[in-house]
Amino acid sequence: MTLIQPSAVPSLGTRRVVFIEGTVANIKAITPAEMNGGVEVSCYLTRQGLAVTQDQTKIQDGRYCSPQTLQLEGTESIDVTLQYTYNLNTPADDVARLTLERGVSGILVELLQIDEDQEEFATGDFYWAVAIRTGKQFPVAVEENAVDRISQPVFIRGRATDIVQIAAAA
């Protein structure tokens, strides 16, 4: 048997994060216009600035007639915290803080395997998304050799999509 080693895609520099305020027609089929109409916050986020924790529980299904315990899919949970830079004196360099004010509802989208030079999102680009409401913005404590950052919890308001593709324009 021949060993097949599939090619890998580096994750650093190939992901983008967009916040679409309000809602979209179909979160599983966001259009290029909806995606490009959102606010890209990728370069405000620190490298660990999109902290996503996902879990799915297992339901134990032990039957009297079987010596083996089977399992079923249980509940899913997702937790997201953002960390991004801010600049209070320069609004053009403070877009994430101004866009993600406390209490704003919208769609948080992470686009995957996007070319570093790609300026607009197009039909066929891959993403996952979730409806959120933003929480309180907390300034991160002072550290040596660090920039000012905000840590912000977000509250999940709908089921996260699987990895899907941007839909063709309607």
C-alpha atoms as a PDB file:
ATOM      1  CA  MET A   1       0.000   0.000   0.000  1.00  0.00           C
ATOM      2  CA  THR A   2       1.321   3.435  -0.919  1.00  0.00           C
ATOM      3  CA  LEU A   3       1.495   5.952   1.883  1.00  0.00           C
ATOM      4  CA  ILE A   4      -0.412   9.083   0.905  1.00  0.00           C
ATOM      5  CA  GLN A   5       0.515  12.265   2.674  1.00  0.00           C
ATOM      6  CA  PRO A   6      -2.074  14.965   1.964  1.00  0.00           C
ATOM      7  CA  SER A   7      -0.913  18.537   1.634  1.00  0.00           C
ATOM      8  CA  ALA A   8      -1.517  20.809   4.595  1.00  0.00           C
ATOM      9  CA  VAL A   9      -2.533  24.454   4.681  1.00  0.00           C
ATOM     10  CA  PRO A  10      -0.935  26.746   7.267  1.00  0.00           C
ATOM     11  CA  SER A  11      -3.540  28.360   9.500  1.00  0.00           C
ATOM     12  CA  LEU A  12      -1.534  31.452  10.452  1.00  0.00           C
ATOM     13  CA  GLY A  13      -2.372  34.260   8.055  1.00  0.00           C
ATOM     14  CA  THR A  14      -5.054  32.322   6.172  1.00  0.00           C
ATOM     15  CA  ARG A  15      -8.063  33.087   8.335  1.00  0.00           C
ATOM     16  CA  ARG A  16     -10.285  36.131   8.543  1.00  0.00           C
ATOM     17  CA  VAL A  17     -12.916  37.213  11.074  1.00  0.00           C
ATOM     18  CA  VAL A  18     -15.911  39.295  10.043  1.00  0.00           C
ATOM     19  CA  PHE A  19     -18.704  40.699  12.195  1.00  0.00           C
ATOM     20  CA  ILE A  20     -22.024  41.254  10.419  1.00  0.00           C
ATOM     21  CA  GLU A  21     -24.260  43.423  12.577  1.00  0.00           C
ATOM     22  CA  GLY A  22     -27.878  42.305  12.720  1.00  0.00           C
ATOM     23  CA  THR A  23     -28.752  39.202  10.766  1.00  0.00           C
ATOM     24  CA  VAL A  24     -28.367  37.547   7.372  1.00  0.00           C
ATOM     25  CA  ALA A  25     -30.957  35.836   5.194  1.00  0.00           C
ATOM     26  CA  ASN A  26     -29.431  32.375   5.783  1.00  0.00           C
ATOM     27  CA  ILE A  27     -26.475  31.867   8.134  1.00  0.00           C
ATOM     28  CA  LYS A  28     -25.626  28.612   6.306  1.00  0.00           C
ATOM     29  CA  ALA A  29     -25.488  30.400   2.933  1.00  0.00           C
ATOM     30  CA  ILE A  30     -24.151  33.917   3.514  1.00  0.00           C
ATOM     31  CA  THR A  31     -23.813  35.798   0.225  1.00  0.00           C
ATOM     32  CA  PRO A  32     -20.733  37.722  -0.921  1.00  0.00           C
ATOM     33  CA  ALA A  33     -22.639  41.012  -0.457  1.00  0.00           C
ATOM     34  CA  GLU A  34     -23.555  40.130   3.138  1.00  0.00           C
ATOM     35  CA  MET A  35     -20.019  38.967   3.947  1.00  0.00           C
ATOM     36  CA  ASN A  36     -18.301  41.963   2.327  1.00  0.00           C
ATOM     37  CA  GLY A  37     -20.837  44.273   4.008  1.00  0.00           C
ATOM     38  CA  GLY A  38     -19.623  43.149   7.429  1.00  0.00           C
ATOM     39  CA  VAL A  39     -16.709  44.614   9.360  1.00  0.00           C
ATOM     40  CA  GLU A  40     -13.467  42.688   9.074  1.00  0.00           C
ATOM     41  CA  VAL A  41     -11.756  42.662  12.464  1.00  0.00           C
ATOM     42  CA  SER A  42      -9.031  40.121  11.640  1.00  0.00           C
ATOM     43  CA  CYS A  43      -6.066  42.470  12.029  1.00  0.00           C
ATOM     44  CA  TYR A  44      -7.375  43.855  15.331  1.00  0.00           C
ATOM     45  CA  LEU A  45      -7.543  40.384  16.875  1.00  0.00           C
ATOM     46  CA  THR A  46      -4.426  39.120  18.598  1.00  0.00           C
ATOM     47  CA  ARG A  47      -3.150  35.707  17.460  1.00  0.00           C
ATOM     48  CA  GLN A  48      -5.166  34.054  20.229  1.00  0.00           C
ATOM     49  CA  GLY A  49      -7.893  36.668  19.921  1.00  0.00           C
ATOM     50  CA  LEU A  50     -10.594  34.349  18.669  1.00  0.00           C
ATOM     51  CA  ALA A  51     -10.749  31.877  21.531  1.00  0.00           C
ATOM     52  CA  VAL A  52     -13.331  29.247  20.655  1.00  0.00           C
ATOM     53  CA  THR A  53     -14.107  26.255  22.848  1.00  0.00           C
ATOM     54  CA  GLN A  54     -16.497  23.666  21.481  1.00  0.00           C
ATOM     55  CA  ASP A  55     -17.898  20.556  23.062  1.00  0.00           C
ATOM     56  CA  GLN A  56     -20.503  17.933  22.378  1.00  0.00           C
ATOM     57  CA  THR A  57     -21.680  15.643  25.142  1.00  0.00           C
ATOM     58  CA  LYS A  58     -22.389  11.959  24.730  1.00  0.00           C
ATOM     59  CA  ILE A  59     -25.571  10.276  25.857  1.00  0.00           C
ATOM     60  CA  GLN A  60     -24.896   6.829  27.289  1.00  0.00           C
ATOM     61  CA  ASP A  61     -27.338   4.287  25.862  1.00  0.00           C
ATOM     62  CA  GLY A  62     -26.938   1.087  27.873  1.00  0.00           C
ATOM     63  CA  ARG A  63     -29.552  -1.563  27.134  1.00  0.00           C
ATOM     64  CA  TYR A  64     -30.587  -4.497  29.260  1.00  0.00           C
ATOM     65  CA  CYS A  65     -30.175  -6.849  26.313  1.00  0.00           C
ATOM     66  CA  SER A  66     -26.581  -5.852  25.476  1.00  0.00           C
ATOM     67  CA  PRO A  67     -23.273  -6.024  27.345  1.00  0.00           C
ATOM     68  CA  GLN A  68     -22.059  -2.940  25.478  1.00  0.00           C
ATOM     69  CA  THR A  69     -23.023   0.651  26.221  1.00  0.00           C
ATOM     70  CA  LEU A  70     -23.721   2.572  23.034  1.00  0.00           C
ATOM     71  CA  GLN A  71     -23.650   6.354  22.641  1.00  0.00           C
ATOM     72  CA  LEU A  72     -25.837   8.984  21.037  1.00  0.00           C
ATOM     73  CA  GLU A  73     -25.090  12.599  20.183  1.00  0.00           C
ATOM     74  CA  GLY A  74     -25.776  14.892  23.116  1.00  0.00           C
ATOM     75  CA  THR A  75     -25.934  18.631  23.490  1.00  0.00           C
ATOM     76  CA  GLU A  76     -23.470  20.956  21.787  1.00  0.00           C
ATOM     77  CA  SER A  77     -21.895  23.968  23.422  1.00  0.00           C
ATOM     78  CA  ILE A  78     -19.647  26.682  22.117  1.00  0.00           C
ATOM     79  CA  ASP A  79     -17.924  29.433  24.047  1.00  0.00           C
ATOM     80  CA  VAL A  80     -16.228  32.413  22.398  1.00  0.00           C
ATOM     81  CA  THR A  81     -14.045  35.144  23.840  1.00  0.00           C
ATOM     82  CA  LEU A  82     -12.455  37.868  21.744  1.00  0.00           C
ATOM     83  CA  GLN A  83      -9.216  39.717  22.411  1.00  0.00           C
ATOM     84  CA  TYR A  84      -8.256  42.647  20.222  1.00  0.00           C
ATOM     85  CA  THR A  85      -6.179  45.794  20.111  1.00  0.00           C
ATOM     86  CA  TYR A  86      -7.602  49.262  20.561  1.00  0.00           C
ATOM     87  CA  ASN A  87      -6.474  52.870  20.160  1.00  0.00           C
ATOM     88  CA  LEU A  88      -8.728  55.372  21.924  1.00  0.00           C
ATOM     89  CA  ASN A  89      -7.168  58.417  20.258  1.00  0.00           C
ATOM     90  CA  THR A  90      -7.446  57.212  16.659  1.00  0.00           C
ATOM     91  CA  PRO A  91     -10.912  55.987  15.627  1.00  0.00           C
ATOM     92  CA  ALA A  92      -9.534  54.571  12.355  1.00  0.00           C
ATOM     93  CA  ASP A  93      -7.334  52.268  14.475  1.00  0.00           C
ATOM     94  CA  ASP A  94     -10.149  51.457  16.912  1.00  0.00           C
ATOM     95  CA  VAL A  95     -12.674  49.790  14.610  1.00  0.00           C
ATOM     96  CA  ALA A  96     -13.045  46.540  16.578  1.00  0.00           C
ATOM     97  CA  ARG A  97     -13.801  48.295  19.890  1.00  0.00           C
ATOM     98  CA  LEU A  98     -16.258  50.678  18.234  1.00  0.00           C
ATOM     99  CA  THR A  99     -17.981  47.938  16.211  1.00  0.00           C
ATOM    100  CA  LEU A 100     -18.212  45.378  19.005  1.00  0.00           C
ATOM    101  CA  GLU A 101     -19.694  47.654  21.664  1.00  0.00           C
ATOM    102  CA  ARG A 102     -21.467  45.901  24.513  1.00  0.00           C
ATOM    103  CA  GLY A 103     -24.921  44.602  23.618  1.00  0.00           C
ATOM    104  CA  VAL A 104     -24.556  44.502  19.819  1.00  0.00           C
ATOM    105  CA  SER A 105     -26.117  41.496  18.094  1.00  0.00           C
ATOM    106  CA  GLY A 106     -24.879  40.005  14.869  1.00  0.00           C
ATOM    107  CA  ILE A 107     -23.149  37.160  13.091  1.00  0.00           C
ATOM    108  CA  LEU A 108     -19.539  36.315  13.921  1.00  0.00           C
ATOM    109  CA  VAL A 109     -17.850  34.626  10.966  1.00  0.00           C
ATOM    110  CA  GLU A 110     -14.471  32.941  10.703  1.00  0.00           C
ATOM    111  CA  LEU A 111     -13.352  32.435   7.113  1.00  0.00           C
ATOM    112  CA  LEU A 112     -10.899  29.603   6.519  1.00  0.00           C
ATOM    113  CA  GLN A 113      -7.984  29.179   4.111  1.00  0.00           C
ATOM    114  CA  ILE A 114      -8.234  32.652   2.609  1.00  0.00           C
ATOM    115  CA  ASP A 115      -5.243  33.890   0.625  1.00  0.00           C
ATOM    116  CA  GLU A 116      -3.389  36.595   2.543  1.00  0.00           C
ATOM    117  CA  ASP A 117      -3.769  39.052  -0.342  1.00  0.00           C
ATOM    118  CA  GLN A 118      -7.465  38.404  -0.969  1.00  0.00           C
ATOM    119  CA  GLU A 119      -9.327  41.697  -0.514  1.00  0.00           C
ATOM    120  CA  GLU A 120     -12.940  40.596  -0.929  1.00  0.00           C
ATOM    121  CA  PHE A 121     -14.780  37.422  -0.058  1.00  0.00           C
ATOM    122  CA  ALA A 122     -16.335  35.438  -2.894  1.00  0.00           C
ATOM    123  CA  THR A 123     -18.698  32.601  -3.679  1.00  0.00           C
ATOM    124  CA  GLY A 124     -17.087  29.337  -2.636  1.00  0.00           C
ATOM    125  CA  ASP A 125     -14.964  30.695   0.230  1.00  0.00           C
ATOM    126  CA  PHE A 126     -15.254  28.474   3.311  1.00  0.00           C
ATOM    127  CA  TYR A 127     -16.468  29.706   6.720  1.00  0.00           C
ATOM    128  CA  TRP A 128     -18.234  28.824   9.928  1.00  0.00           C
ATOM    129  CA  ALA A 129     -20.516  31.296  11.682  1.00  0.00           C
ATOM    130  CA  VAL A 130     -22.577  31.815  14.798  1.00  0.00           C
ATOM    131  CA  ALA A 131     -25.113  34.407  15.959  1.00  0.00           C
ATOM    132  CA  ILE A 132     -23.808  36.343  18.959  1.00  0.00           C
ATOM    133  CA  ARG A 133     -24.458  39.234  21.297  1.00  0.00           C
ATOM    134  CA  THR A 134     -21.396  41.083  22.556  1.00  0.00           C
ATOM    135  CA  GLY A 135     -20.555  41.361  26.230  1.00  0.00           C
ATOM    136  CA  LYS A 136     -18.610  43.880  28.284  1.00  0.00           C
ATOM    137  CA  GLN A 137     -15.249  45.087  26.968  1.00  0.00           C
ATOM    138  CA  PHE A 138     -12.521  44.565  29.585  1.00  0.00           C
ATOM    139  CA  PRO A 139      -9.100  46.220  29.178  1.00  0.00           C
ATOM    140  CA  VAL A 140      -6.370  43.608  29.622  1.00  0.00           C
ATOM    141  CA  ALA A 141      -3.889  44.258  32.435  1.00  0.00           C
ATOM    142  CA  VAL A 142      -0.628  46.003  31.579  1.00  0.00           C
ATOM    143  CA  GLU A 143       2.204  43.707  30.508  1.00  0.00           C
ATOM    144  CA  GLU A 144       5.773  44.320  29.412  1.00  0.00           C
ATOM    145  CA  ASN A 145       6.291  44.306  25.659  1.00  0.00           C
ATOM    146  CA  ALA A 146       2.570  44.270  24.892  1.00  0.00           C
ATOM    147  CA  VAL A 147       0.006  46.497  23.232  1.00  0.00           C
ATOM    148  CA  ASP A 148      -3.276  47.644  24.774  1.00  0.00           C
ATOM    149  CA  ARG A 149      -5.930  44.989  24.326  1.00  0.00           C
ATOM    150  CA  ILE A 150      -9.526  44.331  25.194  1.00  0.00           C
ATOM    151  CA  SER A 151     -10.886  40.946  26.271  1.00  0.00           C
ATOM    152  CA  GLN A 152     -14.576  40.509  25.544  1.00  0.00           C
ATOM    153  CA  PRO A 153     -16.963  37.615  26.101  1.00  0.00           C
ATOM    154  CA  VAL A 154     -19.638  37.013  23.517  1.00  0.00           C
ATOM    155  CA  PHE A 155     -22.924  35.261  24.129  1.00  0.00           C
ATOM    156  CA  ILE A 156     -24.056  32.592  21.700  1.00  0.00           C
ATOM    157  CA  ARG A 157     -27.552  33.322  20.363  1.00  0.00           C
ATOM    158  CA  GLY A 158     -27.971  30.542  17.796  1.00  0.00           C
ATOM    159  CA  ARG A 159     -26.545  27.265  16.598  1.00  0.00           C
ATOM    160  CA  ALA A 160     -23.097  27.473  14.999  1.00  0.00           C
ATOM    161  CA  THR A 161     -22.855  26.330  11.418  1.00  0.00           C
ATOM    162  CA  ASP A 162     -20.622  23.539  10.241  1.00  0.00           C
ATOM    163  CA  ILE A 163     -17.951  24.541   7.723  1.00  0.00           C
ATOM    164  CA  VAL A 164     -19.930  25.830   4.737  1.00  0.00           C
ATOM    165  CA  GLN A 165     -19.269  27.969   1.667  1.00  0.00           C
ATOM    166  CA  ILE A 166     -20.289  31.478   0.746  1.00  0.00           C
ATOM    167  CA  ALA A 167     -23.348  31.158  -1.466  1.00  0.00           C
ATOM    168  CA  ALA A 168     -23.815  32.573  -4.925  1.00  0.00           C
ATOM    169  CA  ALA A 169     -25.421  36.002  -5.013  1.00  0.00           C
ATOM    170  CA  ALA A 170     -29.206  35.789  -5.142  1.00  0.00           C
END
